[in-house]
Amino acid sequence: MISTRATALITSATRVAYAITLVRQTESVREAGACLHKFLPTVGFDPNHDCDLVFQVNRPTSDEKGRFINRLAKWESIQLTTLHIGIGVPPLPAVPSRPPVYAARIYVDVSTDADNTQPLNDLSELVVELRGHAVSIAENGDTR
């Protein structure tokens, strides 16, 4: 695992984070909302009617050693459009150069306390734990 090799190079740190981004392309922004709906049982929205979904929450916890662990997650439906922008006088309109792309995106950032000043010496084990939190959030969605 890459994280094991990387943490072997670092003997100590005061803050550690593990982040992942997952993107699933969809046919529409509504389909993106429907993809995310099953991961957000705590959020009341109707993917057939609601759009422009962005939900972010930090659900902190503590590890076995009593250290504060941030568990920040963000779910969003996105639309990407590439535009050609002409320069001239008078200003030229921006024109889409291809059809829009739609997707559901999940971003998870699990980290130790930003206010910590004590060295964290168990980096390999800590990264494994942070990764476990990140994967659990990505697989199970927003749970309390």
Protein backbone atom coordinates (compact mmCIF):
# COMPACT_ATOMS: atom_id res chain seq x y z
CA MET A 1 0.00 0.00 0.00
CA ILE A 2 1.31 3.44 -0.90
CA SER A 3 0.44 4.93 2.50
CA THR A 4 2.57 2.30 4.27
CA ARG A 5 5.62 3.19 2.17
CA ALA A 6 5.00 6.92 2.62
CA THR A 7 4.58 6.75 6.39
CA ALA A 8 7.79 4.70 6.65
CA LEU A 9 9.65 7.78 5.42
CA ILE A 10 8.14 10.05 8.09
CA THR A 11 9.01 9.43 11.73
CA SER A 12 6.60 11.88 13.32
CA ALA A 13 3.92 14.48 12.52
CA THR A 14 1.46 16.63 14.43
CA ARG A 15 -1.38 16.23 11.92
CA VAL A 16 -2.35 13.48 9.51
CA ALA A 17 -5.13 13.36 6.92
CA TYR A 18 -6.53 10.86 4.44
CA ALA A 19 -8.76 12.15 1.63
CA ILE A 20 -10.56 10.53 -1.28
CA THR A 21 -12.71 11.85 -4.11
CA LEU A 22 -15.14 9.62 -5.97
CA VAL A 23 -16.85 10.75 -9.18
CA ARG A 24 -19.54 8.89 -11.11
CA GLN A 25 -20.60 10.33 -14.44
CA THR A 26 -24.36 10.39 -15.02
CA GLU A 27 -26.73 11.27 -17.86
CA SER A 28 -28.31 14.22 -16.00
CA VAL A 29 -28.09 16.30 -12.86
CA ARG A 30 -31.24 14.55 -11.59
CA GLU A 31 -29.60 11.15 -12.06
CA ALA A 32 -26.61 12.45 -10.08
CA GLY A 33 -28.99 13.40 -7.26
CA ALA A 34 -30.59 9.95 -7.39
CA CYS A 35 -27.12 8.33 -7.12
CA LEU A 36 -26.37 10.37 -4.00
CA HIS A 37 -29.81 9.95 -2.42
CA LYS A 38 -29.04 6.47 -1.04
CA PHE A 39 -25.90 7.81 0.67
CA LEU A 40 -27.80 10.63 2.40
CA PRO A 41 -30.63 9.08 4.42
CA THR A 42 -30.38 11.94 6.95
CA VAL A 43 -31.00 14.60 4.29
CA GLY A 44 -34.54 15.19 3.12
CA PHE A 45 -34.48 15.80 -0.61
CA ASP A 46 -36.32 14.45 -3.63
CA PRO A 47 -33.91 13.73 -6.50
CA ASN A 48 -36.84 13.87 -8.95
CA HIS A 49 -37.60 17.48 -8.08
CA ASP A 50 -34.66 18.95 -6.16
CA CYS A 51 -31.42 19.84 -7.94
CA ASP A 52 -28.09 21.57 -7.33
CA LEU A 53 -27.42 19.26 -4.39
CA VAL A 54 -24.52 20.09 -2.08
CA PHE A 55 -24.37 18.58 1.40
CA GLN A 56 -21.33 18.80 3.64
CA VAL A 57 -20.94 17.72 7.24
CA ASN A 58 -18.14 17.02 9.71
CA ARG A 59 -19.06 14.22 12.09
CA PRO A 60 -16.07 14.14 14.47
CA THR A 61 -15.22 11.13 16.57
CA SER A 62 -12.39 9.90 18.78
CA ASP A 63 -9.99 7.04 18.17
CA GLU A 64 -9.04 4.32 20.66
CA LYS A 65 -6.38 6.62 22.13
CA GLY A 66 -8.88 9.43 22.70
CA ARG A 67 -7.57 11.59 19.85
CA PHE A 68 -10.02 13.87 18.04
CA ILE A 69 -10.71 12.72 14.46
CA ASN A 70 -12.47 14.98 11.93
CA ARG A 71 -14.68 13.13 9.45
CA LEU A 72 -15.59 15.71 6.81
CA ALA A 73 -17.69 14.53 3.88
CA LYS A 74 -19.27 16.35 0.97
CA TRP A 75 -21.79 14.99 -1.52
CA GLU A 76 -22.72 17.01 -4.59
CA SER A 77 -24.32 16.80 -7.99
CA ILE A 78 -22.20 18.61 -10.54
CA GLN A 79 -22.45 19.87 -14.09
CA LEU A 80 -19.36 20.71 -16.12
CA THR A 81 -19.61 22.78 -19.28
CA THR A 82 -16.71 23.71 -21.52
CA LEU A 83 -17.10 27.17 -23.05
CA HIS A 84 -15.37 29.00 -25.86
CA ILE A 85 -14.90 32.59 -24.79
CA GLY A 86 -14.09 35.06 -27.51
CA ILE A 87 -12.18 38.23 -26.92
CA GLY A 88 -13.17 41.28 -28.86
CA VAL A 89 -14.96 44.57 -28.99
CA PRO A 90 -17.84 44.40 -28.55
CA PRO A 91 -17.55 41.42 -26.14
CA LEU A 92 -18.32 38.09 -27.78
CA PRO A 93 -20.72 35.65 -26.08
CA ALA A 94 -19.49 32.52 -24.35
CA VAL A 95 -20.54 29.50 -26.41
CA PRO A 96 -20.59 25.88 -25.16
CA SER A 97 -18.04 23.85 -27.12
CA ARG A 98 -19.53 20.46 -26.22
CA PRO A 99 -22.54 19.10 -24.31
CA PRO A 100 -22.43 19.39 -20.52
CA VAL A 101 -21.14 16.52 -18.40
CA TYR A 102 -23.05 15.54 -15.26
CA ALA A 103 -21.75 13.62 -12.27
CA ALA A 104 -22.22 12.69 -8.63
CA ARG A 105 -19.17 13.51 -6.55
CA ILE A 106 -18.26 12.41 -3.03
CA TYR A 107 -15.32 14.00 -1.24
CA VAL A 108 -14.15 12.62 2.12
CA ASP A 109 -11.39 14.15 4.26
CA VAL A 110 -10.57 12.40 7.53
CA SER A 111 -7.93 14.06 9.69
CA THR A 112 -6.50 14.43 13.15
CA ASP A 113 -7.07 17.56 15.22
CA ALA A 114 -5.65 20.76 13.69
CA ASP A 115 -4.94 22.07 17.20
CA ASN A 116 -2.79 19.09 18.17
CA THR A 117 0.78 20.02 19.11
CA GLN A 118 1.93 16.59 20.30
CA PRO A 119 3.87 14.33 17.93
CA LEU A 120 1.93 11.46 16.40
CA ASN A 121 4.39 8.58 16.29
CA ASP A 122 2.09 5.72 15.22
CA LEU A 123 1.63 7.05 11.69
CA SER A 124 1.16 3.73 9.86
CA GLU A 125 -1.59 2.59 12.22
CA LEU A 126 -3.18 6.04 12.25
CA VAL A 127 -3.30 6.26 8.44
CA VAL A 128 -4.92 2.81 8.32
CA GLU A 129 -7.54 4.01 10.81
CA LEU A 130 -8.19 7.26 8.92
CA ARG A 131 -8.48 5.30 5.67
CA GLY A 132 -11.01 2.99 7.33
CA HIS A 133 -13.17 5.97 8.28
CA ALA A 134 -12.92 7.43 4.76
CA VAL A 135 -13.84 4.16 3.04
CA SER A 136 -16.73 3.58 5.45
CA ILE A 137 -18.18 7.03 4.70
CA ALA A 138 -17.76 6.53 0.94
CA GLU A 139 -19.43 3.11 1.06
CA ASN A 140 -22.16 3.77 3.66
CA GLY A 141 -22.89 7.47 3.24
CA ASP A 142 -23.92 9.85 6.01
CA THR A 143 -24.61 7.88 9.17
CA ARG A 144 -24.64 9.12 12.73
